[in-house]
Amino acid sequence: MAALKQPIVGTRGADIVGPRNPEVEAQNPDILIPPATDNGGIPNLKFPFAMAHNRLEDGGWAREVTTRELGALKELAIVNMRLPSGVVREMHWHKEAEWAYVLKGRVRFYLIDDQRQTLIEDLEPGDLWLAPAGFPHAIQGLEEGTEFVLVFNDGNFSENQTLLVTELFAHTPVEVLAKNFGVPESAFAGIPASEKYIFRQPVPPPLEEVRRDLGAVNFTDKYVFRASRIAPTKYPGGATQVVDAKNFEVTNLAALFIDLEPGGMREIHWHPDADELQYYISGKARMTVFDAVSNARTFDFVAGDVGYVPKTLAHYIENIGDEPVRVLNVFHTAEYKDISLNQWLALTPRHLVEGHLDVGDPLLSSLRKTRQPVVKG
């Protein structure tokens, strides 16, 4: 067995002689031995889904990271859900908006909007949906099943506190139900006494058949976005793709999808008007977050981890492994915005930058006036 790393750098630090958790230490090397540039009291900005409580239901599961798991999450929360073949997340609605990204498999998404328009669409990995607050919807795994993440625009959100159609029926007087639907009270003898939440159903019929059987309804597809069919913008070191209200009209949450080649890095930047929630899909990455005054902390991420960066705090994301990194960034704003450190300096008079940083060439001659969110290692 290889010797465990000790938190010693030169004359600083000392060995650990008490109990250790080597597996957790190995995934967080920059916590065990922080870079010398780390300083001050940045709060924890990482929580792995592997440590999130998993709610096991009839045929599927759901787990969440909210402000209860990660105190820094103020504006956003995230849910990871698995629905195998035919399994349904029951008909429900939220007080918050729901933004979704399909990770694996295929999923059927159902929604009714405030204009009585019906949406029934089958989505693939990389595709999105948006259920605005109050709009009723349901989710169902197709033949191969599905797994996805959901992001909500409130850090205090809980997937365990949604408004469910089964509970609405269970907690409405039966005589009121009978009057509402114009049927005898006996029609409700078999309704569930409590929520179903996630439950098994047969795989639904083909999409065209389901739509045909609904008859002359007004269909819409404006609450889904097929990002899987759009090529990202490539740069040296990786690629990015923005999905916000400019190309997905109904969304009130913006997203940036980042792909980083080994050694590639999302450049140093910050977001002026929105917190950033990160979900790591593949690879190994690290991120340093900088805040006033002289506060900085470095975090390490692997697939399944959730990261968070409050608005206006400078940060980067670096691929430190030998496999590609893919990370979703979701923002509490309809329109994506960022400020690039490189462009800021490039668009500032040279003498002012020299006076501040006491630098010259080659740095100053290499500054970029054009946008390049990813750089090569």
Protein backbone atom coordinates (compact mmCIF):
# COMPACT_ATOMS: atom_id res chain seq x y z
CA MET A 1 0.00 0.00 0.00
CA ALA A 2 1.31 3.44 -0.95
CA ALA A 3 2.20 5.72 1.93
CA LEU A 4 -0.51 8.21 2.79
CA LYS A 5 0.18 11.83 1.98
CA GLN A 6 0.93 14.04 4.95
CA PRO A 7 -0.10 17.71 5.23
CA ILE A 8 3.49 18.96 5.18
CA VAL A 9 4.94 21.60 2.83
CA GLY A 10 8.52 22.51 3.70
CA THR A 11 8.52 23.62 7.30
CA ARG A 12 4.76 24.12 7.37
CA GLY A 13 2.31 21.52 8.67
CA ALA A 14 2.89 18.20 10.40
CA ASP A 15 1.97 14.55 9.98
CA ILE A 16 -1.42 13.12 10.96
CA VAL A 17 -1.06 10.67 13.86
CA GLY A 18 -4.78 10.24 14.62
CA PRO A 19 -7.55 8.47 12.67
CA ARG A 20 -7.80 9.12 8.93
CA ASN A 21 -10.20 8.61 6.03
CA PRO A 22 -7.82 7.95 3.12
CA GLU A 23 -10.57 7.62 0.48
CA VAL A 24 -12.00 11.07 1.23
CA GLU A 25 -8.52 12.59 1.48
CA ALA A 26 -7.60 11.15 -1.93
CA GLN A 27 -10.59 12.88 -3.54
CA ASN A 28 -9.78 16.20 -1.85
CA PRO A 29 -6.01 16.72 -2.11
CA ASP A 30 -6.35 20.52 -2.13
CA ILE A 31 -8.25 20.40 1.16
CA LEU A 32 -5.64 18.17 2.83
CA ILE A 33 -2.71 20.20 1.45
CA PRO A 34 -4.07 23.58 0.27
CA PRO A 35 -2.14 25.65 -2.26
CA ALA A 36 -0.07 28.38 -0.62
CA THR A 37 -2.41 30.91 -2.26
CA ASP A 38 -5.41 29.71 -0.22
CA ASN A 39 -6.24 32.06 2.63
CA GLY A 40 -9.01 33.13 4.95
CA GLY A 41 -12.49 31.77 5.50
CA ILE A 42 -14.30 30.87 2.25
CA PRO A 43 -17.14 28.52 3.27
CA ASN A 44 -17.50 24.99 1.95
CA LEU A 45 -18.64 25.11 -1.71
CA LYS A 46 -18.74 21.36 -2.45
CA PHE A 47 -21.09 18.49 -1.64
CA PRO A 48 -21.01 15.05 -3.32
CA PHE A 49 -24.26 13.36 -4.27
CA ALA A 50 -22.63 10.22 -2.86
CA MET A 51 -23.29 11.72 0.60
CA ALA A 52 -26.84 12.88 -0.13
CA HIS A 53 -29.71 10.91 1.44
CA ASN A 54 -31.29 8.68 -1.21
CA ARG A 55 -35.07 8.32 -1.22
CA LEU A 56 -35.83 4.80 -2.50
CA GLU A 57 -39.30 4.41 -4.02
CA ASP A 58 -41.25 1.82 -6.03
CA GLY A 59 -38.89 1.27 -8.95
CA GLY A 60 -36.77 4.44 -8.68
CA TRP A 61 -34.99 6.90 -6.43
CA ALA A 62 -34.29 10.59 -5.83
CA ARG A 63 -31.62 12.48 -3.86
CA GLU A 64 -31.06 16.19 -3.40
CA VAL A 65 -28.47 18.79 -2.45
CA THR A 66 -30.06 21.90 -0.93
CA THR A 67 -29.06 24.50 1.62
CA ARG A 68 -29.52 21.79 4.29
CA GLU A 69 -26.68 19.76 2.75
CA LEU A 70 -24.55 22.70 1.56
CA GLY A 71 -25.12 25.91 3.48
CA ALA A 72 -23.77 28.15 0.69
CA LEU A 73 -26.68 27.21 -1.61
CA LYS A 74 -28.92 30.25 -1.30
CA GLU A 75 -30.39 30.73 -4.78
CA LEU A 76 -30.39 27.19 -6.23
CA ALA A 77 -30.89 23.54 -5.27
CA ILE A 78 -30.32 20.33 -7.27
CA VAL A 79 -32.00 16.90 -7.43
CA ASN A 80 -30.69 13.69 -9.04
CA MET A 81 -33.42 11.21 -10.05
CA ARG A 82 -33.54 7.73 -11.61
CA LEU A 83 -36.64 6.34 -13.35
CA PRO A 84 -36.18 2.90 -14.96
CA SER A 85 -38.36 1.61 -17.80
CA GLY A 86 -41.94 2.88 -17.45
CA VAL A 87 -41.43 4.28 -13.93
CA VAL A 88 -43.26 7.58 -13.30
CA ARG A 89 -42.55 10.64 -11.18
CA GLU A 90 -46.14 11.37 -10.34
CA MET A 91 -48.13 14.33 -11.63
CA HIS A 92 -47.21 17.37 -9.53
CA TRP A 93 -46.25 21.03 -9.49
CA HIS A 94 -43.81 23.26 -7.58
CA LYS A 95 -43.67 26.65 -5.96
CA GLU A 96 -40.31 26.96 -7.74
CA ALA A 97 -39.26 26.67 -11.39
CA GLU A 98 -37.78 23.30 -12.43
CA TRP A 99 -34.88 23.20 -14.91
CA ALA A 100 -33.83 19.71 -16.02
CA TYR A 101 -30.95 18.06 -17.89
CA VAL A 102 -31.13 14.46 -19.15
CA LEU A 103 -28.00 12.49 -18.19
CA LYS A 104 -28.77 8.97 -19.45
CA GLY A 105 -31.48 7.10 -21.31
CA ARG A 106 -34.69 8.53 -22.72
CA VAL A 107 -37.54 10.23 -20.90
CA ARG A 108 -41.08 11.34 -21.67
CA PHE A 109 -41.99 14.73 -20.23
CA TYR A 110 -45.61 15.87 -19.79
CA LEU A 111 -46.70 19.45 -18.98
CA ILE A 112 -49.81 21.66 -19.10
CA ASP A 113 -49.26 25.43 -19.15
CA ASP A 114 -51.42 28.39 -18.12
CA GLN A 115 -52.75 28.72 -21.68
CA ARG A 116 -54.13 25.12 -21.53
CA GLN A 117 -51.43 23.99 -23.96
CA THR A 118 -50.25 20.38 -23.71
CA LEU A 119 -46.63 19.29 -24.00
CA ILE A 120 -45.70 15.62 -24.46
CA GLU A 121 -42.13 15.11 -25.68
CA ASP A 122 -39.49 12.37 -25.64
CA LEU A 123 -36.02 13.64 -24.69
CA GLU A 124 -32.49 12.24 -24.94
CA PRO A 125 -29.20 12.75 -23.09
CA GLY A 126 -28.19 16.41 -23.27
CA ASP A 127 -31.75 17.68 -23.73
CA LEU A 128 -33.49 20.09 -21.31
CA TRP A 129 -36.90 20.98 -20.04
CA LEU A 130 -38.26 23.86 -17.99
CA ALA A 131 -41.41 23.63 -15.86
CA PRO A 132 -42.29 27.15 -14.66
CA ALA A 133 -43.52 27.53 -11.09
CA GLY A 134 -47.09 26.28 -10.73
CA PHE A 135 -47.23 24.43 -14.07
CA PRO A 136 -48.35 20.78 -13.54
CA HIS A 137 -46.11 18.14 -15.07
CA ALA A 138 -45.00 14.50 -14.89
CA ILE A 139 -41.92 12.50 -15.93
CA GLN A 140 -41.67 8.88 -17.16
CA GLY A 141 -38.81 6.61 -18.13
CA LEU A 142 -39.02 5.14 -21.64
CA GLU A 143 -37.81 1.65 -22.69
CA GLU A 144 -34.22 2.06 -21.49
CA GLY A 145 -35.17 4.17 -18.47
CA THR A 146 -33.59 7.51 -17.61
CA GLU A 147 -31.52 9.47 -15.11
CA PHE A 148 -31.50 13.26 -14.91
CA VAL A 149 -30.77 16.25 -12.71
CA LEU A 150 -33.26 18.95 -11.75
CA VAL A 151 -32.28 22.46 -10.66
CA PHE A 152 -34.68 24.71 -8.71
CA ASN A 153 -34.43 28.48 -8.19
CA ASP A 154 -34.46 28.35 -4.38
CA GLY A 155 -31.76 26.83 -2.17
CA ASN A 156 -34.40 25.85 0.41
CA PHE A 157 -36.33 23.76 -2.12
CA SER A 158 -37.00 20.12 -1.23
CA GLU A 159 -38.17 17.47 -3.66
CA ASN A 160 -40.00 15.94 -0.68
CA GLN A 161 -42.34 18.94 -0.43
CA THR A 162 -43.87 19.14 -3.90
CA LEU A 163 -47.60 19.51 -4.53
CA LEU A 164 -48.84 16.08 -5.68
CA VAL A 165 -52.05 15.16 -7.48
CA THR A 166 -52.56 12.10 -5.21
CA GLU A 167 -52.32 14.22 -2.07
CA LEU A 168 -54.64 16.87 -3.53
CA PHE A 169 -57.32 14.19 -4.00
CA ALA A 170 -56.62 12.55 -0.62
CA HIS A 171 -57.01 15.83 1.27
CA THR A 172 -60.07 17.26 -0.49
CA PRO A 173 -63.54 16.35 0.92
CA VAL A 174 -65.06 13.65 -1.26
CA GLU A 175 -68.30 15.61 -1.69
CA VAL A 176 -66.27 18.50 -3.09
CA LEU A 177 -64.50 16.17 -5.52
CA ALA A 178 -67.87 14.78 -6.62
CA LYS A 179 -69.28 18.27 -7.22
CA ASN A 180 -66.11 19.41 -9.03
CA PHE A 181 -66.13 16.53 -11.53
CA GLY A 182 -69.89 16.01 -11.75
CA VAL A 183 -69.80 12.34 -10.69
CA PRO A 184 -71.09 10.35 -7.68
CA GLU A 185 -68.96 10.17 -4.55
CA SER A 186 -68.51 6.45 -5.18
CA ALA A 187 -66.27 7.33 -8.14
CA PHE A 188 -63.51 8.17 -5.65
CA ALA A 189 -63.66 4.98 -3.57
CA GLY A 190 -60.30 3.77 -4.85
CA ILE A 191 -58.16 6.91 -4.69
CA PRO A 192 -54.81 6.52 -2.88
CA ALA A 193 -54.74 7.51 0.78
CA SER A 194 -51.29 9.09 0.37
CA GLU A 195 -48.72 10.07 -2.24
CA LYS A 196 -47.28 7.75 -4.87
CA TYR A 197 -44.33 10.04 -5.72
CA ILE A 198 -42.41 7.46 -7.83
CA PHE A 199 -44.17 4.31 -9.00
CA ARG A 200 -44.11 1.62 -11.69
CA GLN A 201 -46.18 1.79 -14.87
CA PRO A 202 -45.93 0.07 -18.25
CA VAL A 203 -43.77 1.78 -20.84
CA PRO A 204 -46.06 4.37 -22.48
CA PRO A 205 -47.32 3.92 -26.05
CA PRO A 206 -45.49 5.65 -28.92
CA LEU A 207 -45.59 9.44 -28.79
CA GLU A 208 -47.76 9.83 -31.91
CA GLU A 209 -50.34 7.43 -30.51
CA VAL A 210 -50.55 9.26 -27.18
CA ARG A 211 -50.97 12.61 -28.91
CA ARG A 212 -53.62 11.21 -31.26
CA ASP A 213 -55.63 9.74 -28.39
CA LEU A 214 -55.77 13.15 -26.67
CA GLY A 215 -57.73 14.48 -29.63
CA ALA A 216 -57.94 18.12 -30.68
CA VAL A 217 -55.78 19.73 -28.03
CA ASN A 218 -53.33 22.57 -28.53
CA PHE A 219 -49.82 21.07 -28.39
CA THR A 220 -46.64 23.03 -27.66
CA ASP A 221 -42.94 22.20 -27.41
CA LYS A 222 -41.66 25.54 -26.10
CA TYR A 223 -40.78 24.16 -22.65
CA VAL A 224 -38.15 21.74 -24.00
CA PHE A 225 -34.79 22.48 -25.61
CA ARG A 226 -32.94 19.83 -27.62
CA ALA A 227 -29.40 20.88 -26.77
CA SER A 228 -28.20 17.39 -27.80
CA ARG A 229 -28.71 18.44 -31.44
CA ILE A 230 -26.63 21.64 -31.23
CA ALA A 231 -22.85 21.53 -31.56
CA PRO A 232 -20.94 23.39 -28.82
CA THR A 233 -18.51 26.21 -29.59
CA LYS A 234 -14.97 24.83 -29.65
CA TYR A 235 -11.85 26.52 -28.25
CA PRO A 236 -8.28 25.39 -27.62
CA GLY A 237 -8.62 23.16 -24.56
CA GLY A 238 -12.34 22.37 -24.80
CA ALA A 239 -15.79 23.69 -25.69
CA THR A 240 -18.79 25.50 -24.22
CA GLN A 241 -22.49 25.81 -24.94
CA VAL A 242 -24.82 28.49 -23.54
CA VAL A 243 -28.55 27.85 -23.07
CA ASP A 244 -30.45 30.88 -21.80
CA ALA A 245 -33.45 33.04 -22.66
CA LYS A 246 -31.78 34.11 -25.92
CA ASN A 247 -32.19 30.62 -27.40
CA PHE A 248 -34.62 28.96 -24.91
CA GLU A 249 -37.24 31.66 -24.54
CA VAL A 250 -39.18 30.33 -21.57
CA THR A 251 -36.25 29.68 -19.22
CA ASN A 252 -35.58 31.77 -16.13
CA LEU A 253 -32.39 29.81 -15.38
CA ALA A 254 -29.35 30.17 -17.65
CA ALA A 255 -26.87 27.36 -18.25
CA LEU A 256 -23.32 26.93 -19.49
CA PHE A 257 -22.16 23.43 -20.46
CA ILE A 258 -18.38 23.08 -20.28
CA ASP A 259 -16.16 20.37 -21.81
CA LEU A 260 -12.49 20.45 -20.82
CA GLU A 261 -9.75 18.36 -22.39
CA PRO A 262 -7.00 17.06 -20.07
CA GLY A 263 -5.07 20.14 -18.97
CA GLY A 264 -7.80 22.46 -20.27
CA MET A 265 -9.25 25.18 -18.05
CA ARG A 266 -12.33 27.37 -17.85
CA GLU A 267 -10.54 30.71 -17.61
CA ILE A 268 -10.53 32.90 -14.48
CA HIS A 269 -13.84 34.80 -14.45
CA TRP A 270 -16.87 35.76 -12.37
CA HIS A 271 -20.59 36.29 -12.83
CA PRO A 272 -21.89 39.78 -12.00
CA ASP A 273 -25.53 39.01 -11.27
CA ALA A 274 -26.14 35.35 -10.39
CA ASP A 275 -24.96 32.47 -8.22
CA GLU A 276 -23.58 29.43 -10.07
CA LEU A 277 -24.48 25.82 -9.30
CA GLN A 278 -22.16 23.19 -10.77
CA TYR A 279 -22.80 19.50 -11.44
CA TYR A 280 -19.79 17.41 -12.50
CA ILE A 281 -20.63 14.66 -15.00
CA SER A 282 -17.18 13.27 -15.77
CA GLY A 283 -13.47 13.64 -15.05
CA LYS A 284 -11.46 15.25 -12.24
CA ALA A 285 -11.29 19.00 -11.72
CA ARG A 286 -10.21 21.64 -9.27
CA MET A 287 -11.49 25.14 -8.61
CA THR A 288 -10.20 28.05 -6.53
CA VAL A 289 -12.74 30.66 -5.43
CA PHE A 290 -11.56 34.18 -4.51
CA ASP A 291 -13.44 36.68 -2.33
CA ALA A 292 -12.61 39.89 -0.49
CA VAL A 293 -10.59 40.41 1.62
CA SER A 294 -7.69 38.10 0.63
CA ASN A 295 -9.97 35.04 0.90
CA ALA A 296 -9.38 32.06 -1.36
CA ARG A 297 -10.09 28.31 -1.10
CA THR A 298 -9.42 25.44 -3.50
CA PHE A 299 -11.78 22.48 -4.02
CA ASP A 300 -11.47 19.19 -5.92
CA PHE A 301 -14.32 17.57 -7.85
CA VAL A 302 -15.13 14.21 -9.43
CA ALA A 303 -18.21 12.93 -11.28
CA GLY A 304 -21.36 13.27 -9.16
CA ASP A 305 -20.12 16.23 -7.12
CA VAL A 306 -22.01 19.50 -6.72
CA GLY A 307 -20.14 22.81 -6.57
CA TYR A 308 -21.38 26.33 -5.90
CA VAL A 309 -20.00 29.84 -6.48
CA PRO A 310 -21.78 32.95 -5.13
CA LYS A 311 -22.22 35.83 -7.56
CA THR A 312 -19.22 38.13 -8.21
CA LEU A 313 -16.62 35.70 -6.79
CA ALA A 314 -13.68 34.97 -9.12
CA HIS A 315 -12.98 31.32 -9.97
CA TYR A 316 -11.72 28.90 -12.62
CA ILE A 317 -12.34 25.20 -13.34
CA GLU A 318 -9.28 23.14 -14.33
CA ASN A 319 -9.13 19.59 -15.68
CA ILE A 320 -6.47 17.92 -13.49
CA GLY A 321 -7.03 14.36 -14.73
CA ASP A 322 -6.31 12.37 -17.86
CA GLU A 323 -9.96 12.14 -19.00
CA PRO A 324 -12.32 14.83 -20.32
CA VAL A 325 -14.22 16.89 -17.76
CA ARG A 326 -17.88 17.74 -18.39
CA VAL A 327 -19.62 20.09 -15.99
CA LEU A 328 -23.02 21.79 -16.03
CA ASN A 329 -23.19 25.33 -14.71
CA VAL A 330 -26.68 26.67 -13.94
CA PHE A 331 -27.37 30.28 -12.94
CA HIS A 332 -30.18 32.06 -11.11
CA THR A 333 -30.83 34.39 -14.05
CA ALA A 334 -32.49 34.16 -17.45
CA GLU A 335 -29.51 35.56 -19.36
CA TYR A 336 -25.96 34.23 -19.04
CA LYS A 337 -23.25 36.82 -18.20
CA ASP A 338 -19.60 36.60 -17.19
CA ILE A 339 -16.57 38.83 -16.73
CA SER A 340 -13.23 37.52 -18.01
CA LEU A 341 -10.06 38.49 -16.11
CA ASN A 342 -8.06 38.19 -19.33
CA GLN A 343 -10.41 40.43 -21.32
CA TRP A 344 -10.65 42.97 -18.49
CA LEU A 345 -6.89 43.44 -18.56
CA ALA A 346 -6.77 43.39 -22.38
CA LEU A 347 -9.39 46.14 -22.61
CA THR A 348 -7.63 48.34 -20.03
CA PRO A 349 -4.83 50.75 -21.07
CA ARG A 350 -1.45 49.04 -20.91
CA HIS A 351 0.14 51.62 -18.59
CA LEU A 352 -2.61 51.10 -16.01
CA VAL A 353 -2.14 47.32 -15.96
CA GLU A 354 1.65 47.72 -15.74
CA GLY A 355 1.28 50.13 -12.83
CA HIS A 356 -0.97 47.78 -10.88
CA LEU A 357 0.76 44.45 -11.43
CA ASP A 358 4.41 45.44 -12.10
CA VAL A 359 4.45 43.22 -15.21
CA GLY A 360 5.37 43.65 -18.86
CA ASP A 361 5.78 41.28 -21.79
CA PRO A 362 5.16 38.50 -22.53
CA LEU A 363 2.02 38.81 -20.35
CA LEU A 364 0.74 42.12 -21.67
CA SER A 365 1.26 41.24 -25.33
CA SER A 366 -0.60 37.94 -24.87
CA LEU A 367 -3.82 39.39 -23.42
CA ARG A 368 -6.92 38.61 -25.48
CA LYS A 369 -9.55 41.20 -26.43
CA THR A 370 -11.75 38.45 -27.90
CA ARG A 371 -13.83 35.96 -25.96
CA GLN A 372 -12.21 32.59 -25.19
CA PRO A 373 -13.85 31.00 -22.13
CA VAL A 374 -11.67 27.86 -22.29
CA VAL A 375 -7.88 27.81 -22.47
CA LYS A 376 -5.43 25.02 -23.23
CA GLY A 377 -2.97 23.67 -20.70
